Amino acid sequence: MSFPVDLTAALSGASVSQLHGWRRTHLLEPEVQENPVRYSFRDVVALRTFVRLRSQLPLQRIRKAMNQLRKWDLTDHPASYTLLTEGDSVFFVQDSRAIDLVRRPGQEVILSLADVFAPFENMQGREVADFRRPRPCLEVREQRLAGWPTVLGTRVPYDTVAKLVVGGVDPKDVRRFYPTVDKRSALDAVDFHGEVLRIGGRAA
């Protein structure tokens, strides 16, 4: 399963224009080669890392960090690496070590590790939801529907529920179609669906 641009933006914290710019300048080219553009789960994780770094650092430093990884022949997908910042540089975390990629490339440092999946504010001031729980009753699990957001504890896609409600089904009646989906879960699905549409520039 792959992710459309608007859902990718909602889960990663990137704006649609940032995604376009980062594709054009090859900071991250989607693994899924389709038209229209779609992203893999690993792409979304890597983009979320970049957005978190970008909220604290100039983009040039992030590019320099990625170039340094390539110089060291670390050319796996960016989602394979843990990249963090503590103010003015980017650090590559390997085992229990944090290695500077920008200011003093190769120097090992002690660093307090932040969780890239936790909520944070991007550079535009938008609150980026918890990646694993974009809403209290929704979750993202890579092994479930390839990471597509679902109702908590189920395999029911969030957008399937949201479209039922938008189409006129009362949130409390979604149970008639999906017995495991209660009213609160349905409302969370609608709320997140609305955010995805707004980010993509489409009417909810």
N, C-alpha and C. Protein backbone atom coordinates (compact mmCIF):
# COMPACT_ATOMS: atom_id res chain seq x y z
N MET A 1 0.85 -1.19 0.00
CA MET A 1 0.00 0.00 0.00
C MET A 1 0.88 1.24 0.00
N SER A 2 0.46 2.27 -0.72
CA SER A 2 1.22 3.51 -0.77
C SER A 2 0.33 4.67 -0.34
N PHE A 3 0.96 5.81 -0.05
CA PHE A 3 0.29 6.94 0.56
C PHE A 3 0.20 8.11 -0.42
N PRO A 4 -0.99 8.68 -0.62
CA PRO A 4 -1.10 9.87 -1.48
C PRO A 4 -0.45 11.07 -0.80
N VAL A 5 -0.26 12.12 -1.57
CA VAL A 5 0.46 13.29 -1.07
C VAL A 5 -0.20 13.91 0.15
N ASP A 6 -1.54 14.04 0.15
CA ASP A 6 -2.18 14.72 1.28
C ASP A 6 -2.06 13.93 2.57
N LEU A 7 -2.20 12.61 2.52
CA LEU A 7 -2.04 11.79 3.73
C LEU A 7 -0.58 11.79 4.17
N THR A 8 0.35 11.76 3.21
CA THR A 8 1.77 11.84 3.52
C THR A 8 2.08 13.14 4.26
N ALA A 9 1.51 14.24 3.78
CA ALA A 9 1.73 15.54 4.43
C ALA A 9 1.17 15.55 5.84
N ALA A 10 -0.02 14.98 6.03
CA ALA A 10 -0.64 14.97 7.36
C ALA A 10 0.17 14.14 8.35
N LEU A 11 0.68 13.00 7.92
CA LEU A 11 1.42 12.12 8.83
C LEU A 11 2.86 12.57 9.05
N SER A 12 3.45 13.21 8.04
CA SER A 12 4.86 13.60 8.17
C SER A 12 5.06 14.99 8.75
N GLY A 13 4.06 15.87 8.56
CA GLY A 13 4.21 17.25 8.99
C GLY A 13 4.74 18.16 7.90
N ALA A 14 5.11 17.60 6.76
CA ALA A 14 5.56 18.42 5.63
C ALA A 14 4.36 19.06 4.95
N SER A 15 4.59 20.20 4.33
CA SER A 15 3.53 20.80 3.51
C SER A 15 3.59 20.16 2.13
N VAL A 16 2.52 20.30 1.38
CA VAL A 16 2.49 19.76 0.02
C VAL A 16 3.60 20.40 -0.82
N SER A 17 3.82 21.70 -0.64
CA SER A 17 4.87 22.37 -1.42
C SER A 17 6.26 21.88 -1.01
N GLN A 18 6.46 21.60 0.28
CA GLN A 18 7.75 21.04 0.70
C GLN A 18 7.98 19.68 0.04
N LEU A 19 6.97 18.85 0.02
CA LEU A 19 7.11 17.53 -0.60
C LEU A 19 7.52 17.68 -2.07
N HIS A 20 6.88 18.62 -2.75
CA HIS A 20 7.23 18.86 -4.16
C HIS A 20 8.69 19.31 -4.29
N GLY A 21 9.08 20.26 -3.44
CA GLY A 21 10.44 20.78 -3.50
C GLY A 21 11.48 19.72 -3.17
N TRP A 22 11.18 18.88 -2.20
CA TRP A 22 12.15 17.85 -1.80
C TRP A 22 12.25 16.75 -2.84
N ARG A 23 11.14 16.50 -3.59
CA ARG A 23 11.25 15.56 -4.72
C ARG A 23 12.10 16.17 -5.82
N ARG A 24 11.83 17.44 -6.13
CA ARG A 24 12.51 18.11 -7.24
C ARG A 24 14.02 18.21 -7.00
N THR A 25 14.41 18.42 -5.73
CA THR A 25 15.84 18.58 -5.42
C THR A 25 16.46 17.29 -4.90
N HIS A 26 15.71 16.20 -4.96
CA HIS A 26 16.22 14.86 -4.64
C HIS A 26 16.60 14.66 -3.18
N LEU A 27 16.05 15.48 -2.28
CA LEU A 27 16.27 15.18 -0.86
C LEU A 27 15.63 13.85 -0.53
N LEU A 28 14.41 13.65 -1.04
CA LEU A 28 13.78 12.33 -0.93
C LEU A 28 12.90 12.11 -2.14
N GLU A 29 13.26 11.10 -2.91
CA GLU A 29 12.44 10.71 -4.05
C GLU A 29 11.60 9.51 -3.64
N PRO A 30 10.29 9.54 -3.85
CA PRO A 30 9.43 8.45 -3.40
C PRO A 30 9.87 7.09 -3.96
N GLU A 31 9.78 6.08 -3.11
CA GLU A 31 10.09 4.72 -3.56
C GLU A 31 9.06 4.24 -4.58
N VAL A 32 7.83 4.70 -4.43
CA VAL A 32 6.74 4.27 -5.30
C VAL A 32 6.73 5.17 -6.53
N GLN A 33 7.04 4.62 -7.67
CA GLN A 33 7.09 5.41 -8.90
C GLN A 33 5.75 5.33 -9.61
N GLU A 34 4.84 6.22 -9.19
CA GLU A 34 3.51 6.25 -9.78
C GLU A 34 3.14 7.68 -10.13
N ASN A 35 2.12 7.81 -10.96
CA ASN A 35 1.57 9.12 -11.29
C ASN A 35 0.05 9.01 -11.11
N PRO A 36 -0.54 9.77 -10.16
CA PRO A 36 0.07 10.79 -9.33
C PRO A 36 1.04 10.22 -8.30
N VAL A 37 1.85 11.12 -7.74
CA VAL A 37 2.90 10.74 -6.80
C VAL A 37 2.31 10.05 -5.58
N ARG A 38 2.96 8.99 -5.14
CA ARG A 38 2.59 8.30 -3.90
C ARG A 38 3.88 7.94 -3.17
N TYR A 39 3.77 7.79 -1.84
CA TYR A 39 4.93 7.52 -0.99
C TYR A 39 4.78 6.18 -0.28
N SER A 40 5.92 5.56 0.00
CA SER A 40 5.91 4.32 0.79
C SER A 40 5.86 4.66 2.28
N PHE A 41 5.61 3.64 3.10
CA PHE A 41 5.63 3.84 4.55
C PHE A 41 7.00 4.36 4.98
N ARG A 42 8.07 3.77 4.42
CA ARG A 42 9.43 4.22 4.79
C ARG A 42 9.65 5.67 4.38
N ASP A 43 9.10 6.07 3.23
CA ASP A 43 9.21 7.46 2.80
C ASP A 43 8.60 8.40 3.84
N VAL A 44 7.41 8.02 4.33
CA VAL A 44 6.70 8.87 5.30
C VAL A 44 7.51 9.01 6.58
N VAL A 45 8.10 7.92 7.05
CA VAL A 45 8.92 7.96 8.27
C VAL A 45 10.13 8.87 8.06
N ALA A 46 10.80 8.73 6.90
CA ALA A 46 11.96 9.57 6.61
C ALA A 46 11.57 11.05 6.52
N LEU A 47 10.45 11.33 5.87
CA LEU A 47 9.98 12.71 5.73
C LEU A 47 9.68 13.31 7.10
N ARG A 48 9.09 12.52 7.97
CA ARG A 48 8.78 13.02 9.32
C ARG A 48 10.08 13.40 10.04
N THR A 49 11.12 12.60 9.84
CA THR A 49 12.42 12.93 10.41
C THR A 49 12.93 14.25 9.86
N PHE A 50 12.84 14.43 8.54
CA PHE A 50 13.31 15.68 7.93
C PHE A 50 12.53 16.88 8.45
N VAL A 51 11.21 16.72 8.58
CA VAL A 51 10.38 17.84 9.05
C VAL A 51 10.75 18.20 10.48
N ARG A 52 10.98 17.19 11.30
CA ARG A 52 11.36 17.47 12.69
C ARG A 52 12.70 18.19 12.74
N LEU A 53 13.65 17.74 11.95
CA LEU A 53 14.95 18.42 11.88
C LEU A 53 14.79 19.84 11.35
N ARG A 54 13.93 19.99 10.32
CA ARG A 54 13.76 21.30 9.69
C ARG A 54 13.11 22.31 10.64
N SER A 55 12.37 21.83 11.63
CA SER A 55 11.75 22.75 12.58
C SER A 55 12.79 23.43 13.46
N GLN A 56 14.04 22.92 13.43
CA GLN A 56 15.10 23.48 14.26
C GLN A 56 16.34 23.90 13.49
N LEU A 57 16.45 23.44 12.25
CA LEU A 57 17.69 23.67 11.48
C LEU A 57 17.39 24.17 10.07
N PRO A 58 18.34 24.91 9.47
CA PRO A 58 18.20 25.26 8.05
C PRO A 58 18.25 24.00 7.19
N LEU A 59 17.54 24.03 6.08
CA LEU A 59 17.48 22.87 5.18
C LEU A 59 18.87 22.48 4.69
N GLN A 60 19.75 23.47 4.51
CA GLN A 60 21.10 23.18 4.01
C GLN A 60 21.84 22.21 4.92
N ARG A 61 21.62 22.31 6.23
CA ARG A 61 22.31 21.39 7.15
C ARG A 61 21.78 19.97 7.02
N ILE A 62 20.50 19.86 6.74
CA ILE A 62 19.93 18.53 6.54
C ILE A 62 20.50 17.91 5.27
N ARG A 63 20.59 18.72 4.22
CA ARG A 63 21.20 18.22 2.98
C ARG A 63 22.66 17.81 3.21
N LYS A 64 23.38 18.62 3.98
CA LYS A 64 24.78 18.30 4.27
C LYS A 64 24.89 17.00 5.04
N ALA A 65 23.96 16.78 5.97
CA ALA A 65 23.96 15.53 6.73
C ALA A 65 23.74 14.34 5.81
N MET A 66 22.77 14.45 4.89
CA MET A 66 22.50 13.35 3.98
C MET A 66 23.69 13.10 3.05
N ASN A 67 24.34 14.17 2.61
CA ASN A 67 25.53 14.01 1.77
C ASN A 67 26.65 13.32 2.53
N GLN A 68 26.78 13.64 3.83
CA GLN A 68 27.83 13.01 4.64
C GLN A 68 27.57 11.51 4.78
N LEU A 69 26.32 11.13 4.96
CA LEU A 69 25.99 9.70 5.02
C LEU A 69 26.41 9.00 3.73
N ARG A 70 26.12 9.64 2.60
CA ARG A 70 26.50 9.04 1.31
C ARG A 70 28.01 8.93 1.17
N LYS A 71 28.76 9.93 1.69
CA LYS A 71 30.22 9.87 1.64
C LYS A 71 30.75 8.68 2.42
N TRP A 72 30.03 8.31 3.47
CA TRP A 72 30.42 7.15 4.28
C TRP A 72 29.82 5.85 3.74
N ASP A 73 29.29 5.92 2.51
CA ASP A 73 28.66 4.77 1.85
C ASP A 73 27.47 4.22 2.62
N LEU A 74 26.79 5.10 3.35
CA LEU A 74 25.54 4.72 4.02
C LEU A 74 24.42 5.17 3.10
N THR A 75 24.02 4.27 2.20
CA THR A 75 23.10 4.66 1.13
C THR A 75 21.77 3.91 1.20
N ASP A 76 21.45 3.32 2.34
CA ASP A 76 20.14 2.71 2.50
C ASP A 76 19.07 3.80 2.49
N HIS A 77 17.83 3.39 2.50
CA HIS A 77 16.74 4.36 2.57
C HIS A 77 16.90 5.21 3.84
N PRO A 78 16.65 6.53 3.76
CA PRO A 78 16.84 7.39 4.94
C PRO A 78 16.08 6.93 6.18
N ALA A 79 14.96 6.22 6.00
CA ALA A 79 14.20 5.73 7.15
C ALA A 79 14.98 4.67 7.94
N SER A 80 16.04 4.12 7.33
CA SER A 80 16.85 3.11 8.01
C SER A 80 17.74 3.72 9.08
N TYR A 81 17.90 5.05 9.06
CA TYR A 81 18.82 5.71 9.96
C TYR A 81 18.07 6.57 10.98
N THR A 82 18.62 6.63 12.18
CA THR A 82 18.09 7.53 13.19
C THR A 82 18.89 8.82 13.14
N LEU A 83 18.20 9.92 12.78
CA LEU A 83 18.85 11.23 12.67
C LEU A 83 18.16 12.18 13.65
N LEU A 84 18.96 12.85 14.46
CA LEU A 84 18.43 13.75 15.48
C LEU A 84 19.21 15.05 15.48
N THR A 85 18.66 16.05 16.16
CA THR A 85 19.37 17.31 16.30
C THR A 85 19.30 17.78 17.74
N GLU A 86 20.28 18.55 18.10
CA GLU A 86 20.24 19.23 19.39
C GLU A 86 20.73 20.66 19.17
N GLY A 87 19.98 21.36 18.34
CA GLY A 87 20.24 22.79 18.19
C GLY A 87 20.92 23.23 16.91
N ASP A 88 22.14 22.77 16.62
CA ASP A 88 22.83 23.35 15.48
C ASP A 88 23.49 22.33 14.55
N SER A 89 23.26 21.04 14.79
CA SER A 89 23.85 20.03 13.93
C SER A 89 22.88 18.87 13.78
N VAL A 90 23.24 17.91 12.92
CA VAL A 90 22.47 16.69 12.75
C VAL A 90 23.35 15.54 13.19
N PHE A 91 22.78 14.61 13.94
CA PHE A 91 23.54 13.49 14.49
C PHE A 91 22.97 12.18 13.98
N PHE A 92 23.87 11.28 13.61
CA PHE A 92 23.52 9.94 13.17
C PHE A 92 23.67 9.03 14.38
N VAL A 93 22.57 8.40 14.79
CA VAL A 93 22.59 7.56 15.98
C VAL A 93 22.75 6.10 15.55
N GLN A 94 23.79 5.47 16.06
CA GLN A 94 24.07 4.08 15.73
C GLN A 94 24.42 3.35 17.01
N ASP A 95 23.65 2.30 17.30
CA ASP A 95 23.77 1.60 18.58
C ASP A 95 23.56 2.63 19.70
N SER A 96 24.54 2.82 20.55
CA SER A 96 24.38 3.80 21.64
C SER A 96 25.20 5.06 21.36
N ARG A 97 25.69 5.22 20.12
CA ARG A 97 26.54 6.36 19.78
C ARG A 97 25.78 7.37 18.94
N ALA A 98 26.12 8.63 19.10
CA ALA A 98 25.58 9.70 18.25
C ALA A 98 26.76 10.38 17.58
N ILE A 99 26.78 10.38 16.25
CA ILE A 99 27.92 10.89 15.49
C ILE A 99 27.50 12.15 14.72
N ASP A 100 28.28 13.20 14.88
CA ASP A 100 28.00 14.48 14.23
C ASP A 100 28.18 14.34 12.71
N LEU A 101 27.19 14.82 11.95
CA LEU A 101 27.26 14.77 10.49
C LEU A 101 27.55 16.12 9.86
N VAL A 102 27.38 17.22 10.62
CA VAL A 102 27.42 18.55 10.01
C VAL A 102 28.55 19.42 10.56
N ARG A 103 28.54 19.71 11.84
CA ARG A 103 29.53 20.63 12.42
C ARG A 103 30.92 20.02 12.48
N ARG A 104 31.00 18.82 13.05
CA ARG A 104 32.29 18.12 13.18
C ARG A 104 32.08 16.68 12.73
N PRO A 105 31.99 16.46 11.41
CA PRO A 105 31.66 15.13 10.90
C PRO A 105 32.56 14.03 11.47
N GLY A 106 31.90 13.00 11.99
CA GLY A 106 32.63 11.86 12.54
C GLY A 106 32.83 11.91 14.03
N GLN A 107 32.68 13.09 14.63
CA GLN A 107 32.90 13.20 16.07
C GLN A 107 31.71 12.62 16.83
N GLU A 108 32.01 11.79 17.82
CA GLU A 108 30.97 11.18 18.63
C GLU A 108 30.57 12.14 19.75
N VAL A 109 29.26 12.22 20.02
CA VAL A 109 28.77 13.13 21.06
C VAL A 109 27.78 12.40 21.94
N ILE A 110 27.54 12.99 23.11
CA ILE A 110 26.48 12.50 23.99
C ILE A 110 25.25 13.33 23.69
N LEU A 111 24.11 12.68 23.51
CA LEU A 111 22.92 13.37 23.04
C LEU A 111 21.69 12.80 23.70
N SER A 112 20.77 13.68 24.10
CA SER A 112 19.49 13.19 24.61
C SER A 112 18.62 12.87 23.39
N LEU A 113 18.12 11.65 23.29
CA LEU A 113 17.42 11.20 22.10
C LEU A 113 15.95 11.59 22.14
N ALA A 114 15.48 12.22 21.07
CA ALA A 114 14.06 12.57 20.95
C ALA A 114 13.37 11.52 20.09
N ASP A 115 12.10 11.30 20.32
CA ASP A 115 11.34 10.32 19.55
C ASP A 115 10.69 11.01 18.35
N VAL A 116 11.11 10.62 17.16
CA VAL A 116 10.61 11.28 15.95
C VAL A 116 9.13 10.99 15.72
N PHE A 117 8.59 9.96 16.37
CA PHE A 117 7.18 9.64 16.21
C PHE A 117 6.29 10.44 17.14
N ALA A 118 6.88 11.11 18.13
CA ALA A 118 6.08 11.89 19.08
C ALA A 118 5.57 13.17 18.44
N PRO A 119 4.50 13.78 18.97
CA PRO A 119 3.99 15.03 18.41
C PRO A 119 5.05 16.13 18.48
N PHE A 120 5.02 17.04 17.51
CA PHE A 120 5.92 18.19 17.52
C PHE A 120 5.30 19.28 16.66
N GLU A 121 5.88 20.47 16.71
CA GLU A 121 5.40 21.60 15.91
C GLU A 121 6.36 21.80 14.74
N ASN A 122 5.82 21.85 13.52
CA ASN A 122 6.70 22.05 12.37
C ASN A 122 7.05 23.53 12.20
N MET A 123 7.85 23.84 11.19
CA MET A 123 8.33 25.21 11.04
C MET A 123 7.24 26.20 10.67
N GLN A 124 6.09 25.69 10.17
CA GLN A 124 4.97 26.57 9.87
C GLN A 124 4.08 26.80 11.10
N GLY A 125 4.43 26.15 12.22
CA GLY A 125 3.64 26.29 13.43
C GLY A 125 2.49 25.31 13.52
N ARG A 126 2.42 24.36 12.59
CA ARG A 126 1.36 23.35 12.64
C ARG A 126 1.75 22.24 13.60
N GLU A 127 0.82 21.87 14.47
CA GLU A 127 1.06 20.76 15.39
C GLU A 127 0.95 19.46 14.60
N VAL A 128 2.04 18.71 14.56
CA VAL A 128 2.07 17.44 13.84
C VAL A 128 1.68 16.33 14.81
N ALA A 129 0.67 15.58 14.46
CA ALA A 129 0.12 14.56 15.35
C ALA A 129 1.12 13.45 15.64
N ASP A 130 0.90 12.77 16.75
CA ASP A 130 1.66 11.56 17.07
C ASP A 130 1.54 10.61 15.88
N PHE A 131 2.66 10.14 15.37
CA PHE A 131 2.65 9.30 14.18
C PHE A 131 1.92 7.99 14.43
N ARG A 132 2.16 7.39 15.60
CA ARG A 132 1.54 6.09 15.88
C ARG A 132 0.08 6.21 16.27
N ARG A 133 -0.31 7.38 16.79
CA ARG A 133 -1.70 7.61 17.20
C ARG A 133 -2.14 8.99 16.72
N PRO A 134 -2.43 9.14 15.41
CA PRO A 134 -2.77 10.46 14.89
C PRO A 134 -4.03 11.06 15.51
N ARG A 135 -4.87 10.21 16.09
CA ARG A 135 -6.00 10.62 16.91
C ARG A 135 -6.13 9.56 18.01
N PRO A 136 -6.75 9.88 19.14
CA PRO A 136 -6.82 8.90 20.23
C PRO A 136 -7.37 7.53 19.82
N CYS A 137 -8.31 7.52 18.88
CA CYS A 137 -8.92 6.25 18.48
C CYS A 137 -8.43 5.74 17.12
N LEU A 138 -7.33 6.32 16.62
CA LEU A 138 -6.73 5.86 15.37
C LEU A 138 -5.29 5.44 15.64
N GLU A 139 -4.77 4.52 14.84
CA GLU A 139 -3.38 4.12 15.01
C GLU A 139 -2.74 3.79 13.67
N VAL A 140 -1.41 3.86 13.66
CA VAL A 140 -0.60 3.50 12.49
C VAL A 140 0.33 2.38 12.91
N ARG A 141 0.18 1.24 12.24
CA ARG A 141 1.06 0.09 12.50
C ARG A 141 1.56 -0.43 11.16
N GLU A 142 2.87 -0.47 11.02
CA GLU A 142 3.45 -0.83 9.71
C GLU A 142 2.96 -2.19 9.24
N GLN A 143 2.75 -3.13 10.16
CA GLN A 143 2.35 -4.48 9.78
C GLN A 143 0.85 -4.61 9.54
N ARG A 144 0.10 -3.53 9.75
CA ARG A 144 -1.35 -3.56 9.50
C ARG A 144 -1.66 -2.65 8.33
N LEU A 145 -2.17 -3.21 7.25
CA LEU A 145 -2.49 -2.46 6.02
C LEU A 145 -1.31 -1.60 5.58
N ALA A 146 -0.11 -2.12 5.77
CA ALA A 146 1.13 -1.45 5.33
C ALA A 146 1.28 -0.05 5.90
N GLY A 147 0.72 0.18 7.10
CA GLY A 147 0.88 1.47 7.76
C GLY A 147 -0.23 2.46 7.52
N TRP A 148 -1.25 2.08 6.76
CA TRP A 148 -2.38 2.99 6.53
C TRP A 148 -3.10 3.19 7.86
N PRO A 149 -3.45 4.43 8.24
CA PRO A 149 -4.12 4.66 9.53
C PRO A 149 -5.45 3.91 9.62
N THR A 150 -5.65 3.23 10.74
CA THR A 150 -6.87 2.46 10.97
C THR A 150 -7.49 2.83 12.31
N VAL A 151 -8.73 2.41 12.50
CA VAL A 151 -9.36 2.56 13.81
C VAL A 151 -8.61 1.67 14.79
N LEU A 152 -8.37 2.20 15.98
CA LEU A 152 -7.57 1.53 17.01
C LEU A 152 -8.04 0.09 17.23
N GLY A 153 -7.09 -0.84 17.14
CA GLY A 153 -7.37 -2.24 17.42
C GLY A 153 -8.12 -2.98 16.33
N THR A 154 -8.26 -2.36 15.15
CA THR A 154 -8.99 -2.99 14.04
C THR A 154 -8.19 -2.87 12.75
N ARG A 155 -8.72 -3.46 11.70
CA ARG A 155 -8.15 -3.31 10.36
C ARG A 155 -9.02 -2.40 9.49
N VAL A 156 -9.86 -1.60 10.13
CA VAL A 156 -10.78 -0.73 9.40
C VAL A 156 -10.08 0.60 9.08
N PRO A 157 -9.89 0.93 7.80
CA PRO A 157 -9.21 2.18 7.44
C PRO A 157 -10.00 3.40 7.92
N TYR A 158 -9.26 4.41 8.39
CA TYR A 158 -9.90 5.63 8.89
C TYR A 158 -10.78 6.29 7.85
N ASP A 159 -10.32 6.30 6.57
CA ASP A 159 -11.04 7.03 5.54
C ASP A 159 -12.32 6.31 5.12
N THR A 160 -12.35 5.00 5.27
CA THR A 160 -13.57 4.25 4.99
C THR A 160 -14.67 4.68 5.95
N VAL A 161 -14.31 4.80 7.23
CA VAL A 161 -15.27 5.23 8.25
C VAL A 161 -15.68 6.69 8.00
N ALA A 162 -14.69 7.54 7.74
CA ALA A 162 -14.98 8.96 7.53
C ALA A 162 -15.92 9.17 6.36
N LYS A 163 -15.73 8.43 5.29
CA LYS A 163 -16.57 8.61 4.11
C LYS A 163 -18.00 8.15 4.37
N LEU A 164 -18.17 7.16 5.23
CA LEU A 164 -19.53 6.76 5.62
C LEU A 164 -20.25 7.91 6.31
N VAL A 165 -19.54 8.54 7.27
CA VAL A 165 -20.14 9.63 8.03
C VAL A 165 -20.39 10.84 7.15
N VAL A 166 -19.40 11.20 6.34
CA VAL A 166 -19.56 12.34 5.43
C VAL A 166 -20.71 12.07 4.46
N GLY A 167 -20.91 10.80 4.14
CA GLY A 167 -21.99 10.43 3.23
C GLY A 167 -23.37 10.39 3.86
N GLY A 168 -23.43 10.66 5.18
CA GLY A 168 -24.73 10.76 5.82
C GLY A 168 -25.03 9.78 6.94
N VAL A 169 -24.11 8.83 7.19
CA VAL A 169 -24.33 7.87 8.27
C VAL A 169 -24.01 8.55 9.60
N ASP A 170 -24.91 8.46 10.57
CA ASP A 170 -24.66 9.02 11.90
C ASP A 170 -23.48 8.29 12.53
N PRO A 171 -22.54 9.02 13.17
CA PRO A 171 -21.36 8.36 13.76
C PRO A 171 -21.71 7.18 14.66
N LYS A 172 -22.79 7.27 15.40
CA LYS A 172 -23.14 6.16 16.30
C LYS A 172 -23.66 4.95 15.53
N ASP A 173 -24.07 5.15 14.27
CA ASP A 173 -24.60 4.05 13.47
C ASP A 173 -23.55 3.35 12.61
N VAL A 174 -22.29 3.84 12.68
CA VAL A 174 -21.23 3.17 11.93
C VAL A 174 -21.09 1.72 12.38
N ARG A 175 -21.47 1.45 13.62
CA ARG A 175 -21.41 0.08 14.16
C ARG A 175 -22.22 -0.90 13.31
N ARG A 176 -23.23 -0.41 12.64
CA ARG A 176 -24.04 -1.30 11.79
C ARG A 176 -23.20 -1.88 10.66
N PHE A 177 -22.20 -1.12 10.21
CA PHE A 177 -21.34 -1.56 9.13
C PHE A 177 -20.06 -2.22 9.66
N TYR A 178 -19.54 -1.64 10.75
CA TYR A 178 -18.30 -2.12 11.36
C TYR A 178 -18.52 -2.21 12.87
N PRO A 179 -18.88 -3.40 13.38
CA PRO A 179 -19.25 -3.55 14.79
C PRO A 179 -18.17 -3.11 15.78
N THR A 180 -16.91 -3.08 15.35
CA THR A 180 -15.82 -2.70 16.27
C THR A 180 -15.57 -1.19 16.31
N VAL A 181 -16.32 -0.43 15.51
CA VAL A 181 -16.10 1.01 15.42
C VAL A 181 -17.21 1.75 16.18
N ASP A 182 -16.85 2.37 17.31
CA ASP A 182 -17.84 3.10 18.08
C ASP A 182 -17.92 4.56 17.62
N LYS A 183 -18.81 5.32 18.25
CA LYS A 183 -19.06 6.70 17.84
C LYS A 183 -17.79 7.54 17.97
N ARG A 184 -17.06 7.40 19.08
CA ARG A 184 -15.85 8.20 19.29
C ARG A 184 -14.81 7.93 18.20
N SER A 185 -14.66 6.65 17.86
CA SER A 185 -13.71 6.28 16.79
C SER A 185 -14.13 6.89 15.46
N ALA A 186 -15.44 6.86 15.20
CA ALA A 186 -15.93 7.43 13.95
C ALA A 186 -15.66 8.93 13.88
N LEU A 187 -15.86 9.63 15.00
CA LEU A 187 -15.61 11.07 15.03
C LEU A 187 -14.12 11.38 14.85
N ASP A 188 -13.26 10.56 15.45
CA ASP A 188 -11.82 10.75 15.25
C ASP A 188 -11.44 10.54 13.79
N ALA A 189 -12.04 9.53 13.16
CA ALA A 189 -11.77 9.26 11.75
C ALA A 189 -12.18 10.45 10.88
N VAL A 190 -13.35 11.02 11.18
CA VAL A 190 -13.82 12.19 10.42
C VAL A 190 -12.90 13.38 10.63
N ASP A 191 -12.46 13.59 11.87
CA ASP A 191 -11.59 14.73 12.18
C ASP A 191 -10.26 14.62 11.44
N PHE A 192 -9.66 13.44 11.46
CA PHE A 192 -8.38 13.26 10.79
C PHE A 192 -8.55 13.35 9.27
N HIS A 193 -9.62 12.78 8.77
CA HIS A 193 -9.91 12.86 7.33
C HIS A 193 -10.02 14.31 6.89
N GLY A 194 -10.67 15.13 7.72
CA GLY A 194 -10.79 16.55 7.41
C GLY A 194 -9.44 17.23 7.35
N GLU A 195 -8.55 16.88 8.28
CA GLU A 195 -7.21 17.47 8.28
C GLU A 195 -6.45 17.09 7.01
N VAL A 196 -6.54 15.82 6.63
CA VAL A 196 -5.85 15.36 5.41
C VAL A 196 -6.36 16.13 4.20
N LEU A 197 -7.67 16.32 4.10
CA LEU A 197 -8.23 17.04 2.95
C LEU A 197 -7.81 18.50 2.96
N ARG A 198 -7.80 19.12 4.14
CA ARG A 198 -7.38 20.53 4.22
C ARG A 198 -5.94 20.70 3.79
N ILE A 199 -5.07 19.80 4.25
CA ILE A 199 -3.66 19.87 3.89
C ILE A 199 -3.48 19.70 2.38
N GLY A 200 -4.29 18.83 1.82
CA GLY A 200 -4.20 18.59 0.37
C GLY A 200 -4.88 19.66 -0.46
N GLY A 201 -5.52 20.64 0.22
CA GLY A 201 -6.16 21.72 -0.50
C GLY A 201 -7.51 21.35 -1.09
N ARG A 202 -8.11 20.28 -0.52
CA ARG A 202 -9.43 19.87 -0.99
C ARG A 202 -10.46 20.16 0.07
N ALA A 203 -11.69 20.39 -0.35
CA ALA A 203 -12.78 20.67 0.60
C ALA A 203 -13.14 19.39 1.34
N ALA A 204 -13.41 19.53 2.64
CA ALA A 204 -13.80 18.35 3.43
C ALA A 204 -15.23 17.96 3.09
